[in-house]
Amino acid sequence: GFGAQKQFAVEAARHDWVLCLDADERVSERLH
């Protein structure tokens, strides 16, 4: 499920700070 899958990903991340993206999203220079 969408929320549970995102939460799984966040919990599997190696760092405490996490940026969640979708495959069709891009990090702009401003966001970077």
Full PDB file with SEQRES, HELIX, SHEET, SSBOND, CRYST1, ORIGX, SCALE, CONECT and MASTER records, all heavy atoms in Angstrom:
SEQRES   1 A   32  GLY PHE GLY ALA GLN LYS GLN PHE ALA VAL GLU ALA ALA          
SEQRES   2 A   32  ARG HIS ASP TRP VAL LEU CYS LEU ASP ALA ASP GLU ARG          
SEQRES   3 A   32  VAL SER GLU ARG LEU HIS                                      
HELIX    1 AA1 PHE A    2  ALA A   12  1                                  11    
CRYST1    1.000    1.000    1.000  90.00  90.00  90.00 P 1           1          
ORIGX1      1.000000  0.000000  0.000000        0.00000                         
ORIGX2      0.000000  1.000000  0.000000        0.00000                         
ORIGX3      0.000000  0.000000  1.000000        0.00000                         
SCALE1      1.000000  0.000000  0.000000        0.00000                         
SCALE2      0.000000  1.000000  0.000000        0.00000                         
SCALE3      0.000000  0.000000  1.000000        0.00000                         
ATOM      1  N   GLY A   1       0.866  -1.175   0.000  1.00  0.00           N  
ATOM      2  CA  GLY A   1       0.000   0.000   0.000  1.00  0.00           C  
ATOM      3  C   GLY A   1       0.900   1.222   0.000  1.00  0.00           C  
ATOM      4  O   GLY A   1       2.048   1.168   0.467  1.00  0.00           O  
ATOM      5  N   PHE A   2       0.390   2.333  -0.527  1.00  0.00           N  
ATOM      6  CA  PHE A   2       1.239   3.502  -0.738  1.00  0.00           C  
ATOM      7  C   PHE A   2       1.924   3.972   0.548  1.00  0.00           C  
ATOM      8  O   PHE A   2       3.149   4.089   0.611  1.00  0.00           O  
ATOM      9  CB  PHE A   2       0.425   4.643  -1.361  1.00  0.00           C  
ATOM     10  CG  PHE A   2       1.269   5.812  -1.757  1.00  0.00           C  
ATOM     11  CD1 PHE A   2       2.019   5.790  -2.917  1.00  0.00           C  
ATOM     12  CD2 PHE A   2       1.327   6.942  -0.965  1.00  0.00           C  
ATOM     13  CE1 PHE A   2       2.818   6.859  -3.286  1.00  0.00           C  
ATOM     14  CE2 PHE A   2       2.114   8.025  -1.321  1.00  0.00           C  
ATOM     15  CZ  PHE A   2       2.856   7.980  -2.481  1.00  0.00           C  
ATOM     16  N   GLY A   3       1.159   4.250   1.574  1.00  0.00           N  
ATOM     17  CA  GLY A   3       1.734   4.769   2.812  1.00  0.00           C  
ATOM     18  C   GLY A   3       2.676   3.780   3.477  1.00  0.00           C  
ATOM     19  O   GLY A   3       3.770   4.146   3.925  1.00  0.00           O  
ATOM     20  N   ALA A   4       2.262   2.530   3.540  1.00  0.00           N  
ATOM     21  CA  ALA A   4       3.083   1.505   4.174  1.00  0.00           C  
ATOM     22  C   ALA A   4       4.376   1.257   3.394  1.00  0.00           C  
ATOM     23  O   ALA A   4       5.432   1.021   3.987  1.00  0.00           O  
ATOM     24  CB  ALA A   4       2.293   0.212   4.323  1.00  0.00           C  
ATOM     25  N   GLN A   5       4.304   1.332   2.067  1.00  0.00           N  
ATOM     26  CA  GLN A   5       5.501   1.124   1.244  1.00  0.00           C  
ATOM     27  C   GLN A   5       6.497   2.263   1.464  1.00  0.00           C  
ATOM     28  O   GLN A   5       7.696   2.036   1.589  1.00  0.00           O  
ATOM     29  CB  GLN A   5       5.117   1.008  -0.239  1.00  0.00           C  
ATOM     30  CG  GLN A   5       6.213   0.450  -1.107  1.00  0.00           C  
ATOM     31  CD  GLN A   5       6.313  -1.072  -1.048  1.00  0.00           C  
ATOM     32  OE1 GLN A   5       5.690  -1.731  -0.229  1.00  0.00           O  
ATOM     33  NE2 GLN A   5       7.106  -1.624  -1.923  1.00  0.00           N  
ATOM     34  N   LYS A   6       5.974   3.508   1.512  1.00  0.00           N  
ATOM     35  CA  LYS A   6       6.847   4.656   1.796  1.00  0.00           C  
ATOM     36  C   LYS A   6       7.480   4.514   3.177  1.00  0.00           C  
ATOM     37  O   LYS A   6       8.672   4.774   3.350  1.00  0.00           O  
ATOM     38  CB  LYS A   6       6.062   5.970   1.727  1.00  0.00           C  
ATOM     39  CG  LYS A   6       5.695   6.400   0.343  1.00  0.00           C  
ATOM     40  CD  LYS A   6       6.705   7.343  -0.202  1.00  0.00           C  
ATOM     41  CE  LYS A   6       6.186   7.921  -1.507  1.00  0.00           C  
ATOM     42  NZ  LYS A   6       7.176   8.700  -2.190  1.00  0.00           N  
ATOM     43  N   GLN A   7       6.686   4.111   4.163  1.00  0.00           N  
ATOM     44  CA  GLN A   7       7.213   3.953   5.516  1.00  0.00           C  
ATOM     45  C   GLN A   7       8.278   2.862   5.554  1.00  0.00           C  
ATOM     46  O   GLN A   7       9.308   3.007   6.216  1.00  0.00           O  
ATOM     47  CB  GLN A   7       6.089   3.643   6.503  1.00  0.00           C  
ATOM     48  CG  GLN A   7       6.541   3.632   7.946  1.00  0.00           C  
ATOM     49  CD  GLN A   7       7.078   4.970   8.413  1.00  0.00           C  
ATOM     50  OE1 GLN A   7       6.569   6.023   8.048  1.00  0.00           O  
ATOM     51  NE2 GLN A   7       8.132   4.939   9.210  1.00  0.00           N  
ATOM     52  N   PHE A   8       8.056   1.769   4.840  1.00  0.00           N  
ATOM     53  CA  PHE A   8       9.058   0.711   4.751  1.00  0.00           C  
ATOM     54  C   PHE A   8      10.366   1.279   4.210  1.00  0.00           C  
ATOM     55  O   PHE A   8      11.447   0.989   4.731  1.00  0.00           O  
ATOM     56  CB  PHE A   8       8.552  -0.431   3.852  1.00  0.00           C  
ATOM     57  CG  PHE A   8       9.569  -1.515   3.625  1.00  0.00           C  
ATOM     58  CD1 PHE A   8       9.639  -2.597   4.488  1.00  0.00           C  
ATOM     59  CD2 PHE A   8      10.456  -1.446   2.565  1.00  0.00           C  
ATOM     60  CE1 PHE A   8      10.591  -3.607   4.293  1.00  0.00           C  
ATOM     61  CE2 PHE A   8      11.408  -2.431   2.355  1.00  0.00           C  
ATOM     62  CZ  PHE A   8      11.476  -3.517   3.230  1.00  0.00           C  
ATOM     63  N   ALA A   9      10.273   2.085   3.153  1.00  0.00           N  
ATOM     64  CA  ALA A   9      11.465   2.675   2.543  1.00  0.00           C  
ATOM     65  C   ALA A   9      12.187   3.594   3.521  1.00  0.00           C  
ATOM     66  O   ALA A   9      13.419   3.549   3.642  1.00  0.00           O  
ATOM     67  CB  ALA A   9      11.082   3.425   1.274  1.00  0.00           C  
ATOM     68  N   VAL A  10      11.443   4.433   4.224  1.00  0.00           N  
ATOM     69  CA  VAL A  10      12.053   5.351   5.190  1.00  0.00           C  
ATOM     70  C   VAL A  10      12.771   4.561   6.280  1.00  0.00           C  
ATOM     71  O   VAL A  10      13.900   4.891   6.667  1.00  0.00           O  
ATOM     72  CB  VAL A  10      10.988   6.303   5.783  1.00  0.00           C  
ATOM     73  CG1 VAL A  10      11.522   7.054   6.983  1.00  0.00           C  
ATOM     74  CG2 VAL A  10      10.496   7.277   4.711  1.00  0.00           C  
ATOM     75  N   GLU A  11      12.141   3.519   6.775  1.00  0.00           N  
ATOM     76  CA  GLU A  11      12.747   2.714   7.839  1.00  0.00           C  
ATOM     77  C   GLU A  11      13.975   1.951   7.354  1.00  0.00           C  
ATOM     78  O   GLU A  11      14.888   1.668   8.131  1.00  0.00           O  
ATOM     79  CB  GLU A  11      11.716   1.766   8.440  1.00  0.00           C  
ATOM     80  CG  GLU A  11      10.657   2.502   9.237  1.00  0.00           C  
ATOM     81  CD  GLU A  11       9.513   1.625   9.702  1.00  0.00           C  
ATOM     82  OE1 GLU A  11       9.563   0.388   9.504  1.00  0.00           O  
ATOM     83  OE2 GLU A  11       8.566   2.180  10.277  1.00  0.00           O  
ATOM     84  N   ALA A  12      14.038   1.635   6.063  1.00  0.00           N  
ATOM     85  CA  ALA A  12      15.176   0.914   5.497  1.00  0.00           C  
ATOM     86  C   ALA A  12      16.338   1.839   5.147  1.00  0.00           C  
ATOM     87  O   ALA A  12      17.451   1.364   4.894  1.00  0.00           O  
ATOM     88  CB  ALA A  12      14.740   0.134   4.262  1.00  0.00           C  
ATOM     89  N   ALA A  13      16.100   3.142   5.118  1.00  0.00           N  
ATOM     90  CA  ALA A  13      17.155   4.103   4.780  1.00  0.00           C  
ATOM     91  C   ALA A  13      18.264   4.058   5.819  1.00  0.00           C  
ATOM     92  O   ALA A  13      18.023   3.810   7.004  1.00  0.00           O  
ATOM     93  CB  ALA A  13      16.570   5.511   4.690  1.00  0.00           C  
ATOM     94  N   ARG A  14      19.474   4.312   5.384  1.00  0.00           N  
ATOM     95  CA  ARG A  14      20.633   4.255   6.271  1.00  0.00           C  
ATOM     96  C   ARG A  14      20.832   5.519   7.099  1.00  0.00           C  
ATOM     97  O   ARG A  14      21.589   5.499   8.067  1.00  0.00           O  
ATOM     98  CB  ARG A  14      21.884   3.976   5.451  1.00  0.00           C  
ATOM     99  CG  ARG A  14      21.900   2.581   4.885  1.00  0.00           C  
ATOM    100  CD  ARG A  14      23.202   2.272   4.176  1.00  0.00           C  
ATOM    101  NE  ARG A  14      23.222   0.862   3.808  1.00  0.00           N  
ATOM    102  CZ  ARG A  14      23.662   0.401   2.653  1.00  0.00           C  
ATOM    103  NH1 ARG A  14      24.130   1.225   1.750  1.00  0.00           N  
ATOM    104  NH2 ARG A  14      23.645  -0.893   2.403  1.00  0.00           N  
ATOM    105  N   HIS A  15      20.205   6.608   6.707  1.00  0.00           N  
ATOM    106  CA  HIS A  15      20.412   7.886   7.402  1.00  0.00           C  
ATOM    107  C   HIS A  15      19.121   8.364   8.052  1.00  0.00           C  
ATOM    108  O   HIS A  15      18.023   8.019   7.615  1.00  0.00           O  
ATOM    109  CB  HIS A  15      20.954   8.932   6.428  1.00  0.00           C  
ATOM    110  CG  HIS A  15      22.242   8.513   5.793  1.00  0.00           C  
ATOM    111  ND1 HIS A  15      23.414   8.376   6.505  1.00  0.00           N  
ATOM    112  CD2 HIS A  15      22.536   8.168   4.523  1.00  0.00           C  
ATOM    113  CE1 HIS A  15      24.378   7.968   5.698  1.00  0.00           C  
ATOM    114  NE2 HIS A  15      23.877   7.827   4.483  1.00  0.00           N  
ATOM    115  N   ASP A  16      19.277   9.175   9.088  1.00  0.00           N  
ATOM    116  CA  ASP A  16      18.113   9.706   9.797  1.00  0.00           C  
ATOM    117  C   ASP A  16      17.329  10.705   8.954  1.00  0.00           C  
ATOM    118  O   ASP A  16      16.111  10.806   9.080  1.00  0.00           O  
ATOM    119  CB  ASP A  16      18.540  10.384  11.099  1.00  0.00           C  
ATOM    120  CG  ASP A  16      19.072   9.389  12.117  1.00  0.00           C  
ATOM    121  OD1 ASP A  16      18.724   8.192  12.041  1.00  0.00           O  
ATOM    122  OD2 ASP A  16      19.852   9.814  13.000  1.00  0.00           O  
ATOM    123  N   TRP A  17      18.013  11.465   8.124  1.00  0.00           N  
ATOM    124  CA  TRP A  17      17.354  12.445   7.261  1.00  0.00           C  
ATOM    125  C   TRP A  17      17.021  11.769   5.943  1.00  0.00           C  
ATOM    126  O   TRP A  17      17.891  11.154   5.312  1.00  0.00           O  
ATOM    127  CB  TRP A  17      18.243  13.660   7.024  1.00  0.00           C  
ATOM    128  CG  TRP A  17      18.374  14.500   8.241  1.00  0.00           C  
ATOM    129  CD1 TRP A  17      19.394  14.490   9.148  1.00  0.00           C  
ATOM    130  CD2 TRP A  17      17.444  15.487   8.703  1.00  0.00           C  
ATOM    131  NE1 TRP A  17      19.147  15.404  10.142  1.00  0.00           N  
ATOM    132  CE2 TRP A  17      17.956  16.024   9.900  1.00  0.00           C  
ATOM    133  CE3 TRP A  17      16.221  15.942   8.225  1.00  0.00           C  
ATOM    134  CZ2 TRP A  17      17.292  17.008  10.622  1.00  0.00           C  
ATOM    135  CZ3 TRP A  17      15.563  16.926   8.946  1.00  0.00           C  
ATOM    136  CH2 TRP A  17      16.094  17.452  10.120  1.00  0.00           C  
ATOM    137  N   VAL A  18      15.748  11.861   5.536  1.00  0.00           N  
ATOM    138  CA  VAL A  18      15.270  11.145   4.353  1.00  0.00           C  
ATOM    139  C   VAL A  18      14.412  12.070   3.501  1.00  0.00           C  
ATOM    140  O   VAL A  18      13.518  12.754   4.014  1.00  0.00           O  
ATOM    141  CB  VAL A  18      14.436   9.906   4.759  1.00  0.00           C  
ATOM    142  CG1 VAL A  18      13.892   9.190   3.534  1.00  0.00           C  
ATOM    143  CG2 VAL A  18      15.264   8.954   5.614  1.00  0.00           C  
ATOM    144  N   LEU A  19      14.682  12.084   2.214  1.00  0.00           N  
ATOM    145  CA  LEU A  19      13.860  12.791   1.228  1.00  0.00           C  
ATOM    146  C   LEU A  19      13.143  11.733   0.410  1.00  0.00           C  
ATOM    147  O   LEU A  19      13.776  10.890  -0.230  1.00  0.00           O  
ATOM    148  CB  LEU A  19      14.733  13.663   0.323  1.00  0.00           C  
ATOM    149  CG  LEU A  19      14.046  14.338  -0.865  1.00  0.00           C  
ATOM    150  CD1 LEU A  19      12.931  15.270  -0.409  1.00  0.00           C  
ATOM    151  CD2 LEU A  19      15.074  15.080  -1.715  1.00  0.00           C  
ATOM    152  N   CYS A  20      11.811  11.735   0.453  1.00  0.00           N  
ATOM    153  CA  CYS A  20      10.999  10.788  -0.312  1.00  0.00           C  
ATOM    154  C   CYS A  20      10.648  11.384  -1.668  1.00  0.00           C  
ATOM    155  O   CYS A  20      10.121  12.496  -1.725  1.00  0.00           O  
ATOM    156  CB  CYS A  20       9.702  10.466   0.431  1.00  0.00           C  
ATOM    157  SG  CYS A  20       9.930   9.612   1.990  1.00  0.00           S  
ATOM    158  N   LEU A  21      10.944  10.650  -2.716  1.00  0.00           N  
ATOM    159  CA  LEU A  21      10.609  11.074  -4.071  1.00  0.00           C  
ATOM    160  C   LEU A  21       9.821   9.974  -4.765  1.00  0.00           C  
ATOM    161  O   LEU A  21       9.949   8.800  -4.423  1.00  0.00           O  
ATOM    162  CB  LEU A  21      11.876  11.344  -4.887  1.00  0.00           C  
ATOM    163  CG  LEU A  21      12.769  12.499  -4.468  1.00  0.00           C  
ATOM    164  CD1 LEU A  21      14.024  12.524  -5.327  1.00  0.00           C  
ATOM    165  CD2 LEU A  21      12.027  13.822  -4.576  1.00  0.00           C  
ATOM    166  N   ASP A  22       9.059  10.373  -5.771  1.00  0.00           N  
ATOM    167  CA  ASP A  22       8.458   9.431  -6.702  1.00  0.00           C  
ATOM    168  C   ASP A  22       9.329   9.404  -7.948  1.00  0.00           C  
ATOM    169  O   ASP A  22      10.036  10.377  -8.245  1.00  0.00           O  
ATOM    170  CB  ASP A  22       7.034   9.856  -7.062  1.00  0.00           C  
ATOM    171  CG  ASP A  22       6.070   9.732  -5.887  1.00  0.00           C  
ATOM    172  OD1 ASP A  22       6.340   8.916  -4.974  1.00  0.00           O  
ATOM    173  OD2 ASP A  22       5.067  10.447  -5.877  1.00  0.00           O  
ATOM    174  N   ALA A  23       9.283   8.320  -8.698  1.00  0.00           N  
ATOM    175  CA  ALA A  23      10.151   8.163  -9.864  1.00  0.00           C  
ATOM    176  C   ALA A  23       9.951   9.246 -10.911  1.00  0.00           C  
ATOM    177  O   ALA A  23      10.866   9.559 -11.668  1.00  0.00           O  
ATOM    178  CB  ALA A  23       9.944   6.788 -10.489  1.00  0.00           C  
ATOM    179  N   ASP A  24       8.766   9.858 -10.948  1.00  0.00           N  
ATOM    180  CA  ASP A  24       8.516  10.903 -11.939  1.00  0.00           C  
ATOM    181  C   ASP A  24       8.828  12.307 -11.405  1.00  0.00           C  
ATOM    182  O   ASP A  24       8.566  13.295 -12.083  1.00  0.00           O  
ATOM    183  CB  ASP A  24       7.084  10.839 -12.457  1.00  0.00           C  
ATOM    184  CG  ASP A  24       6.039  11.077 -11.378  1.00  0.00           C  
ATOM    185  OD1 ASP A  24       6.391  11.098 -10.177  1.00  0.00           O  
ATOM    186  OD2 ASP A  24       4.862  11.231 -11.728  1.00  0.00           O  
ATOM    187  N   GLU A  25       9.405  12.389 -10.213  1.00  0.00           N  
ATOM    188  CA  GLU A  25       9.776  13.685  -9.647  1.00  0.00           C  
ATOM    189  C   GLU A  25      11.264  13.946  -9.855  1.00  0.00           C  
ATOM    190  O   GLU A  25      12.059  13.013  -9.998  1.00  0.00           O  
ATOM    191  CB  GLU A  25       9.444  13.733  -8.150  1.00  0.00           C  
ATOM    192  CG  GLU A  25       7.956  13.687  -7.882  1.00  0.00           C  
ATOM    193  CD  GLU A  25       7.635  13.747  -6.411  1.00  0.00           C  
ATOM    194  OE1 GLU A  25       8.228  12.981  -5.620  1.00  0.00           O  
ATOM    195  OE2 GLU A  25       6.775  14.570  -6.050  1.00  0.00           O  
ATOM    196  N   ARG A  26      11.615  15.220  -9.838  1.00  0.00           N  
ATOM    197  CA  ARG A  26      12.995  15.651 -10.002  1.00  0.00           C  
ATOM    198  C   ARG A  26      13.336  16.636  -8.892  1.00  0.00           C  
ATOM    199  O   ARG A  26      12.500  17.446  -8.494  1.00  0.00           O  
ATOM    200  CB  ARG A  26      13.222  16.364 -11.345  1.00  0.00           C  
ATOM    201  CG  ARG A  26      12.672  15.637 -12.563  1.00  0.00           C  
ATOM    202  CD  ARG A  26      13.432  14.351 -12.856  1.00  0.00           C  
ATOM    203  NE  ARG A  26      12.836  13.627 -13.967  1.00  0.00           N  
ATOM    204  CZ  ARG A  26      12.032  12.575 -13.840  1.00  0.00           C  
ATOM    205  NH1 ARG A  26      11.698  12.134 -12.650  1.00  0.00           N  
ATOM    206  NH2 ARG A  26      11.556  11.962 -14.898  1.00  0.00           N  
ATOM    207  N   VAL A  27      14.585  16.594  -8.423  1.00  0.00           N  
ATOM    208  CA  VAL A  27      15.061  17.578  -7.455  1.00  0.00           C  
ATOM    209  C   VAL A  27      15.554  18.777  -8.252  1.00  0.00           C  
ATOM    210  O   VAL A  27      16.519  18.668  -9.011  1.00  0.00           O  
ATOM    211  CB  VAL A  27      16.192  17.006  -6.579  1.00  0.00           C  
ATOM    212  CG1 VAL A  27      16.733  18.062  -5.626  1.00  0.00           C  
ATOM    213  CG2 VAL A  27      15.711  15.775  -5.816  1.00  0.00           C  
ATOM    214  N   SER A  28      14.900  19.901  -8.078  1.00  0.00           N  
ATOM    215  CA  SER A  28      15.302  21.125  -8.778  1.00  0.00           C  
ATOM    216  C   SER A  28      16.580  21.678  -8.153  1.00  0.00           C  
ATOM    217  O   SER A  28      16.957  21.303  -7.029  1.00  0.00           O  
ATOM    218  CB  SER A  28      14.196  22.177  -8.672  1.00  0.00           C  
ATOM    219  OG  SER A  28      14.077  22.614  -7.321  1.00  0.00           O  
ATOM    220  N   GLU A  29      17.234  22.578  -8.847  1.00  0.00           N  
ATOM    221  CA  GLU A  29      18.423  23.236  -8.288  1.00  0.00           C  
ATOM    222  C   GLU A  29      18.076  23.972  -7.004  1.00  0.00           C  
ATOM    223  O   GLU A  29      18.841  23.958  -6.036  1.00  0.00           O  
ATOM    224  CB  GLU A  29      19.040  24.194  -9.317  1.00  0.00           C  
ATOM    225  CG  GLU A  29      19.736  23.478 -10.450  1.00  0.00           C  
ATOM    226  CD  GLU A  29      20.888  22.600  -9.982  1.00  0.00           C  
ATOM    227  OE1 GLU A  29      21.650  23.007  -9.069  1.00  0.00           O  
ATOM    228  OE2 GLU A  29      21.025  21.481 -10.511  1.00  0.00           O  
ATOM    229  N   ARG A  30      16.911  24.590  -6.970  1.00  0.00           N  
ATOM    230  CA  ARG A  30      16.476  25.319  -5.769  1.00  0.00           C  
ATOM    231  C   ARG A  30      16.281  24.371  -4.591  1.00  0.00           C  
ATOM    232  O   ARG A  30      16.704  24.654  -3.468  1.00  0.00           O  
ATOM    233  CB  ARG A  30      15.193  26.082  -6.073  1.00  0.00           C  
ATOM    234  CG  ARG A  30      14.705  26.931  -4.936  1.00  0.00           C  
ATOM    235  CD  ARG A  30      13.511  27.740  -5.365  1.00  0.00           C  
ATOM    236  NE  ARG A  30      12.955  28.441  -4.220  1.00  0.00           N  
ATOM    237  CZ  ARG A  30      11.766  28.992  -4.192  1.00  0.00           C  
ATOM    238  NH1 ARG A  30      10.996  28.953  -5.257  1.00  0.00           N  
ATOM    239  NH2 ARG A  30      11.338  29.586  -3.112  1.00  0.00           N  
ATOM    240  N   LEU A  31      15.637  23.228  -4.831  1.00  0.00           N  
ATOM    241  CA  LEU A  31      15.447  22.255  -3.767  1.00  0.00           C  
ATOM    242  C   LEU A  31      16.784  21.666  -3.337  1.00  0.00           C  
ATOM    243  O   LEU A  31      17.037  21.483  -2.143  1.00  0.00           O  
ATOM    244  CB  LEU A  31      14.483  21.147  -4.202  1.00  0.00           C  
ATOM    245  CG  LEU A  31      14.236  20.050  -3.171  1.00  0.00           C  
ATOM    246  CD1 LEU A  31      13.692  20.619  -1.866  1.00  0.00           C  
ATOM    247  CD2 LEU A  31      13.293  18.998  -3.742  1.00  0.00           C  
ATOM    248  N   HIS A  32      17.645  21.374  -4.286  1.00  0.00           N  
ATOM    249  CA  HIS A  32      18.984  20.852  -3.997  1.00  0.00           C  
ATOM    250  C   HIS A  32      19.694  21.784  -3.014  1.00  0.00           C  
ATOM    251  O   HIS A  32      20.188  21.339  -1.965  1.00  0.00           O  
ATOM    252  CB  HIS A  32      19.750  20.735  -5.315  1.00  0.00           C  
ATOM    253  CG  HIS A  32      21.156  20.270  -5.194  1.00  0.00           C  
ATOM    254  ND1 HIS A  32      21.792  19.618  -6.203  1.00  0.00           N  
ATOM    255  CD2 HIS A  32      22.082  20.382  -4.222  1.00  0.00           C  
ATOM    256  CE1 HIS A  32      23.024  19.325  -5.870  1.00  0.00           C  
ATOM    257  NE2 HIS A  32      23.228  19.787  -4.649  1.00  0.00           N  
TER     258      HIS A  32                                                      
MASTER        0    0    0    1    0    0    0    6  257    1    0    3          
END                                                                             
